[in-house]
N, C-alpha and C. Protein backbone atom coordinates (compact mmCIF):
# COMPACT_ATOMS: atom_id res chain seq x y z
N UNK A 1 1.26 -1.01 -0.08
CA UNK A 1 -0.17 0.23 0.29
C UNK A 1 0.87 1.19 -0.29
N UNK A 2 0.63 1.97 -0.30
CA UNK A 2 1.05 3.82 -1.01
C UNK A 2 0.89 4.44 0.25
N UNK A 3 2.36 5.01 0.99
CA UNK A 3 1.64 6.15 1.96
C UNK A 3 2.41 6.85 1.94
N UNK A 4 3.26 7.58 0.62
CA UNK A 4 3.87 8.63 0.26
C UNK A 4 3.02 9.52 -0.06
N UNK A 5 4.00 10.63 -0.10
CA UNK A 5 2.89 11.98 -0.59
C UNK A 5 2.87 12.12 -2.20
N UNK A 6 1.10 12.68 -2.80
CA UNK A 6 1.48 13.07 -4.81
C UNK A 6 2.23 14.34 -4.87
N UNK A 7 2.91 14.28 -5.79
CA UNK A 7 3.37 15.87 -5.46
C UNK A 7 3.87 16.09 -6.51
N UNK A 8 3.18 15.75 -7.45
CA UNK A 8 3.66 15.82 -8.93
C UNK A 8 2.26 16.21 -10.11
N UNK A 9 1.91 16.97 -11.22
CA UNK A 9 0.84 16.68 -11.84
C UNK A 9 1.19 17.06 -13.07
N UNK A 10 1.08 15.97 -13.57
CA UNK A 10 1.96 16.41 -15.09
C UNK A 10 0.75 16.04 -16.07
N UNK A 11 1.25 17.12 -17.34
CA UNK A 11 0.26 17.32 -18.31
C UNK A 11 0.96 17.12 -19.34
N UNK A 12 0.29 16.86 -21.04
CA UNK A 12 1.30 16.24 -22.09
C UNK A 12 0.73 17.03 -22.74
N UNK A 13 1.35 17.44 -23.71
CA UNK A 13 1.60 18.83 -24.50
C UNK A 13 2.49 17.91 -26.05
N UNK A 14 2.28 18.51 -27.01
CA UNK A 14 2.59 17.70 -28.56
C UNK A 14 2.83 19.18 -28.70
N UNK A 15 3.03 20.70 -29.13
CA UNK A 15 3.50 21.32 -29.60
C UNK A 15 3.29 22.95 -29.06
N UNK A 16 3.65 24.06 -29.15
CA UNK A 16 3.37 24.63 -28.61
C UNK A 16 2.46 25.57 -27.96
N UNK A 17 1.41 25.59 -28.85
CA UNK A 17 -0.29 26.10 -28.47
C UNK A 17 -0.39 24.54 -27.24
N UNK A 18 -0.23 23.77 -27.26
CA UNK A 18 -0.56 23.33 -26.00
C UNK A 18 0.25 23.11 -24.55
N UNK A 19 1.57 24.09 -25.27
CA UNK A 19 2.49 24.46 -24.15
C UNK A 19 1.62 25.65 -23.13
N UNK A 20 1.19 26.46 -24.27
CA UNK A 20 0.23 27.87 -24.22
C UNK A 20 -1.30 27.73 -22.99
N UNK A 21 -1.46 26.47 -23.86
CA UNK A 21 -2.86 26.88 -23.32
C UNK A 21 -2.92 25.61 -21.96
N UNK A 22 -2.11 25.08 -21.27
CA UNK A 22 -1.89 24.35 -20.38
C UNK A 22 -1.47 25.62 -19.77
N UNK A 23 -0.47 26.35 -19.39
CA UNK A 23 0.09 27.61 -19.07
C UNK A 23 -1.43 28.44 -18.79
N UNK A 24 -2.73 29.00 -19.65
CA UNK A 24 -3.35 29.75 -19.38
C UNK A 24 -4.05 29.44 -19.04
N UNK A 25 -4.82 27.86 -18.93
CA UNK A 25 -5.66 27.35 -18.10
C UNK A 25 -4.82 27.38 -16.71
N UNK A 26 -4.33 27.17 -16.42
CA UNK A 26 -3.77 26.71 -14.66
C UNK A 26 -2.94 28.35 -14.49
N UNK A 27 -3.65 28.98 -15.57
CA UNK A 27 -2.78 30.37 -14.57
C UNK A 27 -1.68 31.06 -14.38
N UNK A 28 -1.05 30.47 -15.35
CA UNK A 28 0.39 30.63 -15.25
C UNK A 28 1.34 30.52 -16.53
N UNK A 29 0.25 32.07 -17.24
CA UNK A 29 1.10 31.37 -18.30
C UNK A 29 2.48 32.31 -18.42
N UNK A 30 2.68 33.83 -17.38
CA UNK A 30 3.38 34.23 -17.21
C UNK A 30 4.42 33.99 -15.66
N UNK A 31 4.45 33.01 -15.13
CA UNK A 31 5.07 32.50 -14.21
C UNK A 31 6.59 31.46 -14.94
N UNK A 32 7.71 31.85 -14.15
CA UNK A 32 8.59 31.27 -14.26
C UNK A 32 8.31 29.26 -14.05
N UNK A 33 9.07 29.05 -15.54
CA UNK A 33 9.03 27.67 -15.59
C UNK A 33 10.46 27.30 -15.88
N UNK A 34 10.76 26.13 -15.00
CA UNK A 34 11.89 25.43 -15.32
C UNK A 34 12.37 24.62 -16.53
N UNK A 35 13.08 24.49 -17.54
CA UNK A 35 13.29 24.10 -18.50
C UNK A 35 14.57 22.22 -18.40
N UNK A 36 14.21 21.54 -18.79
CA UNK A 36 15.07 20.32 -19.03
C UNK A 36 14.71 19.70 -19.98
N UNK A 37 15.71 19.51 -20.87
CA UNK A 37 15.68 18.39 -22.29
C UNK A 37 16.22 17.38 -21.28
N UNK A 38 15.67 16.09 -21.57
CA UNK A 38 16.23 14.64 -21.47
C UNK A 38 15.53 13.67 -22.85
N UNK A 39 17.45 13.04 -22.37
CA UNK A 39 17.11 11.84 -23.04
C UNK A 39 17.01 9.97 -21.80
N UNK A 40 16.25 9.68 -22.22
CA UNK A 40 16.07 8.16 -21.15
C UNK A 40 15.83 7.14 -21.98
N UNK A 41 16.07 5.78 -21.54
CA UNK A 41 16.59 4.67 -22.09
C UNK A 41 15.70 3.33 -21.24
N UNK A 42 15.23 2.83 -21.59
CA UNK A 42 14.21 1.78 -21.11
C UNK A 42 13.62 0.99 -21.97
N UNK A 43 12.59 0.32 -21.10
CA UNK A 43 10.93 0.12 -21.85
C UNK A 43 10.29 1.00 -21.93
N UNK A 44 9.34 0.73 -22.60
CA UNK A 44 8.03 1.30 -22.80
C UNK A 44 7.41 0.48 -23.78
N UNK A 45 6.28 0.07 -23.16
CA UNK A 45 5.36 -1.07 -23.65
C UNK A 45 5.91 -1.61 -24.21
N UNK A 46 6.63 -2.43 -23.03
CA UNK A 46 7.30 -4.09 -23.01
C UNK A 46 8.85 -3.90 -24.37
N UNK A 47 8.90 -2.57 -24.50
CA UNK A 47 9.67 -2.20 -26.04
C UNK A 47 11.19 -1.78 -25.80
N UNK A 48 12.11 -2.48 -25.60
CA UNK A 48 13.28 -1.81 -25.09
C UNK A 48 13.43 -0.19 -26.06
N UNK A 49 13.97 0.80 -25.65
CA UNK A 49 14.21 1.56 -26.67
C UNK A 49 14.94 3.67 -26.32
N UNK A 50 14.75 4.45 -26.38
CA UNK A 50 15.26 5.81 -26.16
C UNK A 50 14.40 5.99 -25.95
N UNK A 51 13.44 7.72 -25.67
CA UNK A 51 12.97 8.53 -25.62
C UNK A 51 13.92 10.01 -25.06
N UNK A 52 12.99 11.29 -25.64
CA UNK A 52 14.19 12.35 -25.70
C UNK A 52 12.61 13.42 -25.77
N UNK A 53 12.34 14.06 -24.07
CA UNK A 53 11.44 15.39 -23.84
C UNK A 53 11.95 16.02 -23.58
N UNK A 54 11.03 16.80 -23.61
CA UNK A 54 11.06 18.30 -23.39
C UNK A 54 10.57 18.76 -22.43
N UNK A 55 10.80 18.58 -21.05
CA UNK A 55 10.10 19.34 -19.15
C UNK A 55 9.96 20.44 -19.37
N UNK A 56 9.10 20.87 -18.40
CA UNK A 56 8.42 22.37 -17.84
C UNK A 56 8.37 21.87 -16.49
N UNK A 57 8.68 22.43 -15.73
CA UNK A 57 8.29 22.41 -14.03
C UNK A 57 8.17 23.74 -13.50
N UNK A 58 6.64 24.18 -12.90
CA UNK A 58 6.88 25.28 -12.17
C UNK A 58 6.38 25.18 -10.80
N UNK A 59 6.43 25.33 -9.99
CA UNK A 59 6.53 25.19 -8.77
C UNK A 59 5.21 26.15 -7.57
N UNK A 60 4.60 27.22 -8.57
CA UNK A 60 4.11 28.11 -7.73
C UNK A 60 2.44 27.64 -7.36
N UNK A 61 2.36 26.62 -7.87
CA UNK A 61 1.17 26.38 -7.03
C UNK A 61 1.00 25.48 -5.86
N UNK A 62 1.92 24.64 -5.25
CA UNK A 62 2.25 24.42 -3.86
C UNK A 62 2.75 23.23 -4.24
N UNK A 63 3.33 22.64 -5.46
CA UNK A 63 3.72 21.15 -6.16
C UNK A 63 4.12 21.52 -7.03
N UNK A 64 4.45 20.70 -7.79
CA UNK A 64 5.36 20.62 -8.90
C UNK A 64 4.42 20.33 -10.01
N UNK A 65 4.13 21.20 -11.27
CA UNK A 65 3.42 21.14 -12.33
C UNK A 65 4.24 21.02 -12.92
N UNK A 66 4.36 19.91 -14.14
CA UNK A 66 4.97 19.80 -15.39
C UNK A 66 4.08 19.60 -16.33
N UNK A 67 5.15 20.11 -17.75
CA UNK A 67 4.20 19.78 -18.79
C UNK A 67 5.00 19.34 -19.62
N UNK A 68 4.81 18.28 -19.84
CA UNK A 68 5.66 16.90 -20.98
C UNK A 68 5.54 16.58 -22.06
N UNK A 69 7.04 17.03 -23.38
CA UNK A 69 6.44 16.86 -24.00
C UNK A 69 7.50 16.23 -24.38
N UNK A 70 6.98 15.48 -25.45
CA UNK A 70 7.79 13.89 -25.65
C UNK A 70 8.57 14.58 -27.06
N UNK A 71 9.40 14.55 -28.01
CA UNK A 71 10.45 14.59 -28.85
C UNK A 71 10.14 14.08 -29.52
N UNK A 72 10.99 12.62 -28.87
CA UNK A 72 11.05 11.69 -30.23
C UNK A 72 11.54 10.62 -29.36
N UNK A 73 10.97 9.42 -30.44
CA UNK A 73 10.88 7.62 -29.36
C UNK A 73 9.55 7.30 -28.76
N UNK A 74 9.30 6.20 -28.44
CA UNK A 74 8.24 6.06 -28.07
C UNK A 74 7.62 5.86 -26.82
N UNK A 75 7.26 6.20 -26.08
CA UNK A 75 6.40 6.98 -25.12
C UNK A 75 5.18 6.20 -24.69
N UNK A 76 4.77 6.38 -23.31
CA UNK A 76 3.58 6.11 -22.87
C UNK A 76 2.22 6.79 -22.92
N UNK A 77 2.78 8.03 -23.33
CA UNK A 77 1.75 8.86 -22.99
C UNK A 77 0.84 8.97 -24.82
N UNK A 78 1.46 8.22 -25.38
CA UNK A 78 0.83 8.22 -27.40
C UNK A 78 -0.92 8.10 -26.97
N UNK A 79 -1.51 8.61 -27.31
CA UNK A 79 -3.31 8.72 -27.31
C UNK A 79 -3.97 9.70 -26.27
N UNK A 80 -3.13 10.27 -25.55
CA UNK A 80 -3.57 10.81 -24.82
C UNK A 80 -3.71 12.23 -25.22
N UNK A 81 -5.00 13.13 -25.43
CA UNK A 81 -4.90 14.27 -26.04
C UNK A 81 -3.87 14.92 -25.06
N UNK A 82 -3.66 16.42 -26.52
CA UNK A 82 -2.94 16.81 -25.87
C UNK A 82 -3.39 17.93 -25.22
N UNK A 83 -2.47 18.56 -23.88
CA UNK A 83 -3.52 19.59 -22.77
C UNK A 83 -3.88 19.01 -21.51
N UNK A 84 -4.13 17.27 -21.79
CA UNK A 84 -4.71 16.56 -20.65
C UNK A 84 -3.61 15.93 -19.70
N UNK A 85 -4.21 15.74 -18.63
CA UNK A 85 -3.03 15.07 -17.70
C UNK A 85 -2.84 13.84 -17.90
N UNK A 86 -1.51 13.45 -17.74
CA UNK A 86 -1.02 12.20 -18.19
C UNK A 86 -0.61 11.60 -17.07
N UNK A 87 -0.24 12.23 -15.92
CA UNK A 87 0.30 11.57 -14.83
C UNK A 87 0.20 12.07 -13.73
N UNK A 88 0.34 11.60 -12.46
CA UNK A 88 0.52 11.92 -11.11
C UNK A 88 1.34 11.66 -10.65
N UNK A 89 2.82 12.05 -9.87
CA UNK A 89 3.26 11.31 -9.77
C UNK A 89 4.36 11.19 -8.38
N UNK A 90 5.09 11.08 -7.97
CA UNK A 90 5.60 10.45 -6.49
C UNK A 90 7.00 10.08 -6.18
N UNK A 91 7.83 11.05 -5.88
CA UNK A 91 8.95 11.42 -5.33
C UNK A 91 9.30 10.55 -4.40
N UNK A 92 10.00 9.11 -4.67
CA UNK A 92 10.56 8.30 -3.96
C UNK A 92 11.92 8.82 -2.55
N UNK A 93 11.21 8.27 -1.74
CA UNK A 93 12.32 8.68 -1.11
C UNK A 93 13.73 8.09 -0.58
N UNK A 94 14.38 8.78 -0.79
CA UNK A 94 15.56 7.84 -0.57
C UNK A 94 15.93 6.74 0.45
N UNK A 95 15.71 6.47 1.39
CA UNK A 95 16.02 6.41 2.35
C UNK A 95 15.28 4.57 2.49
N UNK A 96 13.99 4.84 1.70
CA UNK A 96 12.70 3.88 1.83
C UNK A 96 12.70 2.81 0.24
N UNK A 97 12.18 2.18 0.43
CA UNK A 97 11.57 1.15 -0.93
C UNK A 97 10.59 2.32 -1.69
N UNK A 98 10.72 2.32 -3.19
CA UNK A 98 9.78 2.99 -4.28
C UNK A 98 8.79 1.84 -3.67
N UNK A 99 7.56 3.63 -3.80
CA UNK A 99 6.31 2.83 -3.51
C UNK A 99 6.16 1.59 -5.24
N UNK A 100 5.12 0.38 -5.28
CA UNK A 100 5.06 0.08 -6.17
C UNK A 100 3.49 -0.02 -6.14
N UNK A 101 3.36 -0.19 -7.57
CA UNK A 101 1.08 -0.27 -7.49
C UNK A 101 0.74 -2.11 -8.16
N UNK A 102 -0.25 -2.07 -7.65
CA UNK A 102 -0.90 -3.10 -8.55
C UNK A 102 -1.22 -3.07 -9.92
N UNK A 103 -0.59 -2.47 -10.77
CA UNK A 103 -1.17 -2.15 -12.44
C UNK A 103 0.61 -2.54 -13.31
N UNK A 104 -0.11 -2.70 -14.48
CA UNK A 104 1.33 -2.84 -15.03
C UNK A 104 2.25 -1.25 -15.34
N UNK A 105 3.11 -2.20 -15.31
CA UNK A 105 3.77 -0.59 -16.18
C UNK A 105 4.44 -0.94 -17.43
N UNK A 106 3.72 0.77 -17.87
CA UNK A 106 4.33 0.69 -18.93
C UNK A 106 5.22 1.76 -19.85
N UNK A 107 5.26 2.16 -18.80
CA UNK A 107 6.91 2.66 -19.19
C UNK A 107 8.00 2.63 -17.57
N UNK A 108 9.49 1.95 -17.98
CA UNK A 108 10.05 2.18 -17.02
C UNK A 108 11.34 2.67 -18.05
N UNK A 109 12.35 3.63 -17.22
CA UNK A 109 13.53 4.50 -18.38
C UNK A 109 14.09 5.28 -16.87
N UNK A 110 15.45 4.70 -17.62
CA UNK A 110 16.51 5.54 -16.16
C UNK A 110 16.73 7.31 -17.28
N UNK A 111 17.30 8.50 -16.87
CA UNK A 111 17.75 9.17 -17.64
C UNK A 111 19.46 8.88 -17.83
N UNK A 112 19.34 9.38 -19.05
CA UNK A 112 20.74 9.34 -19.74
C UNK A 112 21.61 10.47 -19.81
N UNK A 113 20.46 11.99 -20.05
CA UNK A 113 20.94 13.22 -20.30
C UNK A 113 20.29 14.08 -19.98
N UNK A 114 20.72 15.37 -19.48
CA UNK A 114 19.80 16.12 -18.75
C UNK A 114 20.32 18.01 -19.97
N UNK A 115 19.42 18.72 -19.63
CA UNK A 115 20.02 20.48 -20.33
C UNK A 115 19.69 21.09 -18.76
N UNK A 116 19.16 20.87 -18.04
CA UNK A 116 19.00 21.47 -16.55
C UNK A 116 20.18 21.65 -15.75
N UNK A 117 20.77 22.89 -15.67
CA UNK A 117 21.91 23.49 -14.60
C UNK A 117 21.92 23.00 -13.65
N UNK A 118 21.36 22.74 -13.04
CA UNK A 118 21.07 22.06 -11.27
C UNK A 118 21.71 20.50 -11.81
N UNK A 119 20.92 19.83 -12.60
CA UNK A 119 21.36 18.12 -12.71
C UNK A 119 22.53 18.04 -13.07
N UNK A 120 22.85 18.53 -13.86
CA UNK A 120 24.33 19.49 -14.76
C UNK A 120 25.27 19.38 -13.65
N UNK A 121 25.07 20.56 -12.70
CA UNK A 121 25.72 20.60 -12.18
C UNK A 121 26.47 19.39 -10.67
N UNK A 122 25.50 18.64 -10.32
CA UNK A 122 25.29 17.98 -9.43
C UNK A 122 25.29 16.27 -9.68
N UNK A 123 25.05 16.00 -11.19
CA UNK A 123 25.20 14.97 -11.70
C UNK A 123 23.92 14.27 -11.74
N UNK A 124 22.75 14.19 -10.72
CA UNK A 124 21.59 13.63 -10.54
C UNK A 124 20.97 13.35 -12.15
N UNK A 125 20.82 11.55 -11.94
CA UNK A 125 19.75 11.65 -13.08
C UNK A 125 18.83 10.92 -12.03
N UNK A 126 17.43 10.21 -12.76
CA UNK A 126 16.80 9.59 -12.51
C UNK A 126 16.34 8.62 -13.03
N UNK A 127 15.03 7.46 -12.36
CA UNK A 127 14.95 6.41 -12.51
C UNK A 127 13.02 7.09 -12.32
N UNK A 128 12.68 6.34 -13.74
CA UNK A 128 10.57 6.80 -13.41
C UNK A 128 10.38 5.25 -14.18
N UNK A 129 9.09 5.21 -13.42
CA UNK A 129 8.68 3.71 -13.65
C UNK A 129 7.08 4.42 -13.10
N UNK A 130 6.11 4.18 -14.94
CA UNK A 130 5.07 4.65 -15.12
C UNK A 130 4.09 3.76 -15.02
N UNK A 131 3.23 3.32 -14.55
CA UNK A 131 2.11 2.26 -14.09
C UNK A 131 0.94 3.33 -15.08
N UNK A 132 0.04 1.76 -15.26
CA UNK A 132 -1.16 2.25 -16.31
C UNK A 132 -2.12 2.08 -15.22
N UNK A 133 -2.43 3.13 -14.28
CA UNK A 133 -3.77 2.87 -13.24
C UNK A 133 -4.69 3.46 -13.52
N UNK A 134 -4.52 3.49 -15.40
CA UNK A 134 -6.15 4.86 -15.51
C UNK A 134 -7.21 3.87 -15.45
N UNK A 135 -7.26 2.20 -15.35
CA UNK A 135 -8.62 2.04 -15.29
C UNK A 135 -8.95 2.30 -13.86
N UNK A 136 -8.03 2.48 -13.21
CA UNK A 136 -9.09 2.84 -11.31
C UNK A 136 -8.84 4.24 -11.12
N UNK A 137 -7.73 4.78 -11.88
CA UNK A 137 -7.63 6.16 -11.09
C UNK A 137 -7.91 7.17 -12.17
N UNK A 138 -8.01 7.14 -13.44
CA UNK A 138 -7.98 7.52 -14.74
C UNK A 138 -6.79 8.56 -14.83
N UNK A 139 -5.93 8.40 -14.84
CA UNK A 139 -4.36 8.62 -15.08
C UNK A 139 -3.69 7.81 -14.88
N UNK A 140 -2.45 7.86 -15.58
CA UNK A 140 -1.17 6.74 -15.13
C UNK A 140 -0.29 7.25 -13.48
N UNK A 141 0.24 7.06 -12.79
CA UNK A 141 1.22 6.70 -11.63
C UNK A 141 2.37 6.65 -12.08
N UNK A 142 3.40 8.30 -11.53
CA UNK A 142 4.58 8.02 -11.66
C UNK A 142 4.97 7.97 -10.87
N UNK A 143 6.19 6.60 -10.88
CA UNK A 143 7.37 6.58 -9.23
C UNK A 143 8.65 7.38 -9.33
N UNK A 144 8.90 8.44 -9.08
CA UNK A 144 9.99 9.11 -9.72
C UNK A 144 11.05 9.00 -8.45
N UNK A 145 12.42 8.13 -8.86
CA UNK A 145 13.40 7.77 -7.86
C UNK A 145 14.76 8.38 -8.38
N UNK A 146 15.41 9.18 -7.41
CA UNK A 146 16.54 10.27 -7.64
C UNK A 146 17.42 9.40 -7.83
N UNK A 147 18.64 9.37 -8.57
CA UNK A 147 19.85 8.42 -8.59
C UNK A 147 20.55 9.59 -8.59
N UNK A 148 21.65 10.32 -7.14
CA UNK A 148 23.14 11.35 -6.93
C UNK A 148 24.17 10.83 -7.53
N UNK A 149 24.79 11.87 -8.07
CA UNK A 149 26.35 11.45 -8.55
C UNK A 149 26.88 10.59 -7.61
N UNK A 150 26.88 10.60 -6.82
CA UNK A 150 27.60 10.46 -5.33
C UNK A 150 26.83 8.86 -4.67
N UNK A 151 26.05 8.10 -5.03
CA UNK A 151 25.21 6.90 -4.98
C UNK A 151 25.51 5.41 -5.36
């Protein structure tokens, strides 16, 4: 059973118009967004591969809001309309086992490169596990594990 904290809400975008619409709908058009272009490798829907995504993050709503825009490779969000919620996320605690869910894993990847200055300076990467919880929760569940360079 999951006893953690949901701390991320992510929306899928396919183009600049989707990104602008999401920001406007949330009242965050003029807000500060942190960008990270990410390459990740692993499995998507059971097949090995690599994907590339532009990630935008904002923290003005008291939690991490993400706009996720895949730019290359297979990904779990295919078929989710632009501007819609694609997942909620849980950052796993470093000293505890990552939560798991009774649902199929539809994407599990490790990030291999980032463009965000903080991540470049610290060497941090991530392990993302995305569960297909749409049948029970209406959206996917993403477990985010931080991998520190010194670990």
